[in-house]
C-alpha atoms as a PDB file:
ATOM      1  CA  MET A   1    -157.941-140.782 195.448  1.00  0.00           C
ATOM      2  CA  ASN A   2    -157.439-139.226 198.874  1.00  0.00           C
ATOM      3  CA  GLU A   3    -157.165-135.497 199.615  1.00  0.00           C
ATOM      4  CA  SER A   4    -153.369-135.464 199.568  1.00  0.00           C
ATOM      5  CA  GLU A   5    -153.259-137.175 196.166  1.00  0.00           C
ATOM      6  CA  TYR A   6    -155.835-134.748 194.779  1.00  0.00           C
ATOM      7  CA  LEU A   7    -153.796-131.781 196.017  1.00  0.00           C
ATOM      8  CA  SER A   8    -150.750-133.235 194.275  1.00  0.00           C
ATOM      9  CA  LEU A   9    -152.767-133.586 191.076  1.00  0.00           C
ATOM     10  CA  LEU A  10    -153.934-129.958 191.260  1.00  0.00           C
ATOM     11  CA  THR A  11    -150.348-128.816 191.826  1.00  0.00           C
ATOM     12  CA  ALA A  12    -149.115-130.837 188.852  1.00  0.00           C
ATOM     13  CA  GLN A  13    -151.838-129.277 186.669  1.00  0.00           C
ATOM     14  CA  ALA A  14    -150.726-125.787 187.720  1.00  0.00           C
ATOM     15  CA  GLU A  15    -147.109-126.702 186.909  1.00  0.00           C
ATOM     16  CA  GLN A  16    -148.203-127.855 183.444  1.00  0.00           C
ATOM     17  CA  ALA A  17    -150.150-124.620 182.909  1.00  0.00           C
ATOM     18  CA  ASN A  18    -147.096-122.528 183.835  1.00  0.00           C
ATOM     19  CA  ASP A  19    -144.940-124.531 181.467  1.00  0.00           C
ATOM     20  CA  PHE A  20    -147.496-124.118 178.649  1.00  0.00           C
ATOM     21  CA  LEU A  21    -147.503-120.337 179.183  1.00  0.00           C
ATOM     22  CA  SER A  22    -143.700-120.055 178.997  1.00  0.00           C
ATOM     23  CA  ASN A  23    -141.960-118.236 176.143  1.00  0.00           C
ATOM     24  CA  ALA A  24    -140.482-121.523 174.979  1.00  0.00           C
ATOM     25  CA  ARG A  25    -143.959-122.857 174.170  1.00  0.00           C
ATOM     26  CA  LYS A  26    -145.376-119.758 172.462  1.00  0.00           C
ATOM     27  CA  TRP A  27    -145.883-121.507 169.126  1.00  0.00           C
ATOM     28  CA  GLU A  28    -147.601-124.468 170.768  1.00  0.00           C
ATOM     29  CA  ARG A  29    -150.060-122.077 172.470  1.00  0.00           C
ATOM     30  CA  GLU A  30    -150.799-120.376 169.179  1.00  0.00           C
ATOM     31  CA  ARG A  31    -151.261-123.715 167.438  1.00  0.00           C
ATOM     32  CA  TRP A  32    -153.575-124.818 170.292  1.00  0.00           C
ATOM     33  CA  VAL A  33    -155.861-121.858 169.527  1.00  0.00           C
ATOM     34  CA  CYS A  34    -155.859-122.767 165.828  1.00  0.00           C
ATOM     35  CA  LEU A  35    -156.651-126.403 166.667  1.00  0.00           C
ATOM     36  CA  HIS A  36    -159.585-125.236 168.769  1.00  0.00           C
ATOM     37  CA  LEU A  37    -160.916-123.136 165.884  1.00  0.00           C
ATOM     38  CA  LEU A  38    -160.564-125.945 163.343  1.00  0.00           C
ATOM     39  CA  GLN A  39    -162.263-128.448 165.631  1.00  0.00           C
ATOM     40  CA  ALA A  40    -165.150-126.016 166.089  1.00  0.00           C
ATOM     41  CA  LEU A  41    -165.475-125.620 162.314  1.00  0.00           C
ATOM     42  CA  ASN A  42    -165.381-129.420 161.905  1.00  0.00           C
ATOM     43  CA  VAL A  43    -162.221-129.307 159.777  1.00  0.00           C
ATOM     44  CA  SER A  44    -160.270-132.572 159.670  1.00  0.00           C
ATOM     45  CA  PHE A  45    -156.512-132.189 160.006  1.00  0.00           C
ATOM     46  CA  SER A  46    -153.286-133.844 161.099  1.00  0.00           C
ATOM     47  CA  LEU A  47    -150.689-132.155 163.282  1.00  0.00           C
ATOM     48  CA  ASP A  48    -148.034-132.338 160.590  1.00  0.00           C
ATOM     49  CA  GLU A  49    -150.101-129.880 158.519  1.00  0.00           C
ATOM     50  CA  PHE A  50    -149.155-127.074 160.933  1.00  0.00           C
ATOM     51  CA  ARG A  51    -145.910-125.194 160.342  1.00  0.00           C
ATOM     52  CA  ALA A  52    -144.011-122.474 162.131  1.00  0.00           C
ATOM     53  CA  PRO A  53    -142.994-119.741 159.646  1.00  0.00           C
ATOM     54  CA  ASP A  54    -139.392-118.754 159.096  1.00  0.00           C
ATOM     55  CA  LYS A  55    -140.385-115.199 159.979  1.00  0.00           C
ATOM     56  CA  GLU A  56    -143.409-113.780 161.817  1.00  0.00           C
ATOM     57  CA  PRO A  57    -146.103-112.823 161.040  1.00  0.00           C
ATOM     58  CA  PRO A  58    -147.958-115.146 160.678  1.00  0.00           C
ATOM     59  CA  ASP A  59    -147.722-117.212 163.838  1.00  0.00           C
ATOM     60  CA  VAL A  60    -149.026-120.513 162.447  1.00  0.00           C
ATOM     61  CA  ILE A  61    -149.323-121.762 158.879  1.00  0.00           C
ATOM     62  CA  PHE A  62    -152.003-124.360 158.135  1.00  0.00           C
ATOM     63  CA  ARG A  63    -152.563-125.299 154.489  1.00  0.00           C
ATOM     64  CA  ASP A  64    -153.440-121.971 152.819  1.00  0.00           C
ATOM     65  CA  ALA A  65    -154.199-120.215 156.110  1.00  0.00           C
ATOM     66  CA  ASN A  66    -151.764-117.742 157.648  1.00  0.00           C
ATOM     67  CA  PHE A  67    -152.977-117.554 161.238  1.00  0.00           C
ATOM     68  CA  GLU A  68    -151.988-114.617 163.420  1.00  0.00           C
ATOM     69  CA  VAL A  69    -153.114-115.384 166.974  1.00  0.00           C
ATOM     70  CA  PHE A  70    -153.759-113.011 169.847  1.00  0.00           C
ATOM     71  CA  PHE A  71    -155.338-113.318 173.283  1.00  0.00           C
ATOM     72  CA  VAL A  72    -158.101-111.150 174.732  1.00  0.00           C
ATOM     73  CA  LEU A  73    -158.249-110.948 178.536  1.00  0.00           C
ATOM     74  CA  ASP A  74    -160.148-108.946 181.124  1.00  0.00           C
ATOM     75  CA  GLU A  75    -158.514-105.579 181.760  1.00  0.00           C
ATOM     76  CA  GLY A  76    -155.517-105.903 184.075  1.00  0.00           C
ATOM     77  CA  ARG A  77    -155.271-109.700 183.863  1.00  0.00           C
ATOM     78  CA  ARG A  78    -152.071-111.524 182.900  1.00  0.00           C
ATOM     79  CA  LEU A  79    -152.283-115.292 182.470  1.00  0.00           C
ATOM     80  CA  ASN A  80    -148.639-115.851 183.379  1.00  0.00           C
ATOM     81  CA  ASP A  81    -148.981-113.942 186.654  1.00  0.00           C
ATOM     82  CA  GLU A  82    -152.256-115.674 187.494  1.00  0.00           C
ATOM     83  CA  TRP A  83    -150.888-119.155 187.042  1.00  0.00           C
ATOM     84  CA  ARG A  84    -147.628-118.431 188.873  1.00  0.00           C
ATOM     85  CA  ALA A  85    -149.645-117.220 191.851  1.00  0.00           C
ATOM     86  CA  GLU A  86    -152.003-120.189 191.600  1.00  0.00           C
ATOM     87  CA  LEU A  87    -149.101-122.636 191.546  1.00  0.00           C
ATOM     88  CA  GLU A  88    -147.658-121.062 194.681  1.00  0.00           C
ATOM     89  CA  ARG A  89    -151.075-121.219 196.355  1.00  0.00           C
ATOM     90  CA  ARG A  90    -151.507-124.911 195.558  1.00  0.00           C
ATOM     91  CA  ARG A  91    -147.978-125.768 196.680  1.00  0.00           C
ATOM     92  CA  LYS A  92    -148.596-124.170 200.068  1.00  0.00           C
ATOM     93  CA  ALA A  93    -152.026-125.731 200.663  1.00  0.00           C
ATOM     94  CA  PHE A  94    -152.376-128.561 203.186  1.00  0.00           C
ATOM     95  CA  SER A  95    -156.081-129.144 202.485  1.00  0.00           C
ATOM     96  CA  LEU A  96    -158.610-128.612 199.710  1.00  0.00           C
ATOM     97  CA  ARG A  97    -160.458-126.237 201.994  1.00  0.00           C
ATOM     98  CA  GLU A  98    -157.553-123.778 201.714  1.00  0.00           C
ATOM     99  CA  LEU A  99    -158.010-123.618 197.956  1.00  0.00           C
ATOM    100  CA  VAL A 100    -161.686-122.662 198.091  1.00  0.00           C
ATOM    101  CA  ARG A 101    -162.336-119.003 197.294  1.00  0.00           C
ATOM    102  CA  ARG A 102    -165.332-116.919 196.341  1.00  0.00           C
ATOM    103  CA  GLU A 103    -165.286-115.600 192.792  1.00  0.00           C
ATOM    104  CA  GLN A 104    -167.302-112.602 191.698  1.00  0.00           C
ATOM    105  CA  LYS A 105    -170.187-113.565 189.450  1.00  0.00           C
ATOM    106  CA  PRO A 106    -169.332-112.632 185.840  1.00  0.00           C
ATOM    107  CA  ARG A 107    -171.530-110.003 184.225  1.00  0.00           C
ATOM    108  CA  ARG A 108    -173.368-110.737 181.003  1.00  0.00           C
ATOM    109  CA  ILE A 109    -172.179-108.800 177.961  1.00  0.00           C
ATOM    110  CA  SER A 110    -173.654-108.516 174.477  1.00  0.00           C
ATOM    111  CA  ALA A 111    -172.093-109.910 171.325  1.00  0.00           C
ATOM    112  CA  ARG A 112    -171.317-106.312 170.355  1.00  0.00           C
ATOM    113  CA  GLN A 113    -169.387-105.742 173.593  1.00  0.00           C
ATOM    114  CA  LEU A 114    -167.485-108.989 173.091  1.00  0.00           C
ATOM    115  CA  GLN A 115    -166.545-108.020 169.549  1.00  0.00           C
ATOM    116  CA  GLU A 116    -165.439-104.562 170.694  1.00  0.00           C
ATOM    117  CA  LYS A 117    -162.864-106.157 173.019  1.00  0.00           C
ATOM    118  CA  LEU A 118    -160.833-107.147 169.946  1.00  0.00           C
ATOM    119  CA  ALA A 119    -160.324-103.538 168.838  1.00  0.00           C
ATOM    120  CA  PRO A 120    -157.213-102.499 170.844  1.00  0.00           C
ATOM    121  CA  THR A 121    -155.049-105.402 169.675  1.00  0.00           C
ATOM    122  CA  LEU A 122    -156.300-105.397 166.082  1.00  0.00           C
ATOM    123  CA  MET A 123    -155.694-101.682 165.665  1.00  0.00           C
ATOM    124  CA  LYS A 124    -152.283-101.818 167.341  1.00  0.00           C
ATOM    125  CA  LYS A 125    -151.168-104.729 165.160  1.00  0.00           C
ATOM    126  CA  ALA A 126    -152.469-103.054 162.002  1.00  0.00           C
ATOM    127  CA  ARG A 127    -150.469 -99.876 162.703  1.00  0.00           C
ATOM    128  CA  ASN A 128    -147.357-101.845 163.614  1.00  0.00           C
ATOM    129  CA  TYR A 129    -147.440-104.061 160.528  1.00  0.00           C
ATOM    130  CA  GLN A 130    -148.194-101.209 158.154  1.00  0.00           C
ATOM    131  CA  GLU A 131    -145.231 -99.263 159.553  1.00  0.00           C
ATOM    132  CA  ARG A 132    -143.107-102.330 158.810  1.00  0.00           C
ATOM    133  CA  HIS A 133    -144.591-102.495 155.276  1.00  0.00           C
ATOM    134  CA  LEU A 134    -146.071-105.939 155.886  1.00  0.00           C
ATOM    135  CA  ASP A 135    -149.071-107.108 153.847  1.00  0.00           C
ATOM    136  CA  VAL A 136    -151.854-107.565 156.414  1.00  0.00           C
ATOM    137  CA  GLY A 137    -154.150-108.663 153.589  1.00  0.00           C
ATOM    138  CA  GLN A 138    -152.507-112.093 153.736  1.00  0.00           C
ATOM    139  CA  LEU A 139    -153.164-112.653 157.449  1.00  0.00           C
ATOM    140  CA  ASP A 140    -156.001-114.652 159.022  1.00  0.00           C
ATOM    141  CA  MET A 141    -156.488-113.176 162.487  1.00  0.00           C
ATOM    142  CA  VAL A 142    -157.648-115.429 165.326  1.00  0.00           C
ATOM    143  CA  ALA A 143    -158.612-113.943 168.693  1.00  0.00           C
ATOM    144  CA  TYR A 144    -158.849-116.228 171.718  1.00  0.00           C
ATOM    145  CA  ALA A 145    -161.061-114.636 174.394  1.00  0.00           C
ATOM    146  CA  ASP A 146    -160.248-115.796 177.929  1.00  0.00           C
ATOM    147  CA  LEU A 147    -162.692-113.774 180.035  1.00  0.00           C
ATOM    148  CA  LYS A 148    -163.423-114.446 183.698  1.00  0.00           C
ATOM    149  CA  ARG A 149    -165.376-111.299 184.541  1.00  0.00           C
ATOM    150  CA  SER A 150    -167.898-111.463 181.725  1.00  0.00           C
ATOM    151  CA  VAL A 151    -170.035-114.025 179.892  1.00  0.00           C
ATOM    152  CA  PRO A 152    -171.176-113.403 176.305  1.00  0.00           C
ATOM    153  CA  ASP A 153    -174.898-113.422 175.549  1.00  0.00           C
ATOM    154  CA  PHE A 154    -175.133-115.238 172.245  1.00  0.00           C
ATOM    155  CA  ASN A 155    -178.820-114.457 171.954  1.00  0.00           C
ATOM    156  CA  SER A 156    -177.697-110.917 171.161  1.00  0.00           C
ATOM    157  CA  HIS A 157    -176.646-109.723 167.707  1.00  0.00           C
ATOM    158  CA  PHE A 158    -173.089-109.519 166.356  1.00  0.00           C
ATOM    159  CA  PRO A 159    -172.784-106.224 164.464  1.00  0.00           C
ATOM    160  CA  ALA A 160    -171.044-105.980 161.105  1.00  0.00           C
ATOM    161  CA  PRO A 161    -167.272-105.830 161.845  1.00  0.00           C
ATOM    162  CA  SER A 162    -166.812-102.853 159.506  1.00  0.00           C
ATOM    163  CA  GLU A 163    -164.065-101.164 161.557  1.00  0.00           C
ATOM    164  CA  TYR A 164    -161.984-104.355 161.444  1.00  0.00           C
ATOM    165  CA  LEU A 165    -162.573-104.934 157.741  1.00  0.00           C
ATOM    166  CA  ARG A 166    -161.152-101.479 157.025  1.00  0.00           C
ATOM    167  CA  LEU A 167    -157.879-102.480 158.678  1.00  0.00           C
ATOM    168  CA  GLY A 168    -157.222-104.837 155.778  1.00  0.00           C
ATOM    169  CA  TRP A 169    -157.024-108.294 157.383  1.00  0.00           C
ATOM    170  CA  ARG A 170    -157.912-111.253 155.149  1.00  0.00           C
ATOM    171  CA  SER A 171    -160.138-112.818 157.807  1.00  0.00           C
ATOM    172  CA  LEU A 172    -160.983-112.555 161.477  1.00  0.00           C
ATOM    173  CA  SER A 173    -162.164-115.374 163.737  1.00  0.00           C
ATOM    174  CA  LEU A 174    -163.137-115.319 167.400  1.00  0.00           C
ATOM    175  CA  VAL A 175    -162.601-118.330 169.658  1.00  0.00           C
ATOM    176  CA  GLY A 176    -163.528-118.809 173.307  1.00  0.00           C
ATOM    177  CA  PRO A 177    -163.540-121.722 175.753  1.00  0.00           C
ATOM    178  CA  ASN A 178    -166.951-122.885 174.510  1.00  0.00           C
ATOM    179  CA  TYR A 179    -167.618-121.000 171.273  1.00  0.00           C
ATOM    180  CA  ALA A 180    -166.197-119.956 167.916  1.00  0.00           C
ATOM    181  CA  ARG A 181    -167.269-117.579 165.156  1.00  0.00           C
ATOM    182  CA  VAL A 182    -165.772-116.417 161.863  1.00  0.00           C
ATOM    183  CA  LEU A 183    -166.478-112.678 161.966  1.00  0.00           C
ATOM    184  CA  PHE A 184    -165.407-112.022 158.392  1.00  0.00           C
ATOM    185  CA  ALA A 185    -163.467-113.661 155.571  1.00  0.00           C
ATOM    186  CA  ASN A 186    -162.829-112.026 152.214  1.00  0.00           C
ATOM    187  CA  THR A 187    -162.771-113.821 148.880  1.00  0.00           C
ATOM    188  CA  SER A 188    -159.087-114.787 149.136  1.00  0.00           C
ATOM    189  CA  ALA A 189    -159.461-116.341 152.618  1.00  0.00           C
ATOM    190  CA  PRO A 190    -159.305-120.139 153.050  1.00  0.00           C
ATOM    191  CA  GLU A 191    -162.523-121.871 152.005  1.00  0.00           C
ATOM    192  CA  PHE A 192    -163.119-123.451 155.430  1.00  0.00           C
ATOM    193  CA  LEU A 193    -163.327-119.925 156.894  1.00  0.00           C
ATOM    194  CA  ARG A 194    -165.511-118.522 154.121  1.00  0.00           C
ATOM    195  CA  SER A 195    -167.970-121.412 154.367  1.00  0.00           C
ATOM    196  CA  ASN A 196    -168.463-120.787 158.095  1.00  0.00           C
ATOM    197  CA  LEU A 197    -168.772-117.009 157.888  1.00  0.00           C
ATOM    198  CA  GLY A 198    -171.175-115.476 160.399  1.00  0.00           C
ATOM    199  CA  ARG A 199    -172.061-118.730 162.165  1.00  0.00           C
ATOM    200  CA  THR A 200    -171.672-118.954 165.940  1.00  0.00           C
ATOM    201  CA  ILE A 201    -170.721-122.454 167.103  1.00  0.00           C
ATOM    202  CA  LEU A 202    -171.328-123.319 170.767  1.00  0.00           C
ATOM    203  CA  PHE A 203    -169.944-126.307 172.697  1.00  0.00           C
ATOM    204  CA  ASP A 204    -171.341-128.074 175.755  1.00  0.00           C
ATOM    205  CA  ILE A 205    -167.892-128.367 177.344  1.00  0.00           C
ATOM    206  CA  GLY A 206    -165.502-125.449 177.522  1.00  0.00           C
ATOM    207  CA  ILE A 207    -161.741-125.670 177.060  1.00  0.00           C
ATOM    208  CA  GLY A 208    -159.653-122.850 178.480  1.00  0.00           C
ATOM    209  CA  LEU A 209    -156.223-121.862 179.678  1.00  0.00           C
END
């Protein structure tokens, strides 16, 4: 593959990323996060086991799980804006050299700091759903953390997620490009979540957006 062909490949990948982040493919993105979690937990499945609900929440139904998916990003980042800009950059490039840029080294954060990043969305959703008289006790929350400016230190300790338990969710799982962890799952949560409670699973190869 010559340089021109490789540039075309990079541009096509950016086009695919923009398409995947479109409103039309929202459910597919949410299902992708759920797939990533299930693969991490070593749960066998077929794609026809996933359903889109007639009314949200939840976002994705899988067997007895009612997954409500949300994304956690670095402050100020928007994936859609990032990938639109990246697509434009790749389309304008005449050489690979033009695409090279220096990225700031990510800072290391503790497991506690990583877990704290879930708070704004979880609390906002809890207030919103309670105002709408929705039963949050039937929802299995899944957070996908896409962080460029920080790297979790998994040698540090995850604290008890007490503040999230009090919000009433049935379960809460955290997924990243190369890790997954079920932070809590109450007695009515799906068995595959309960049996993996409190275990951090790490992968050699990361998968991200």
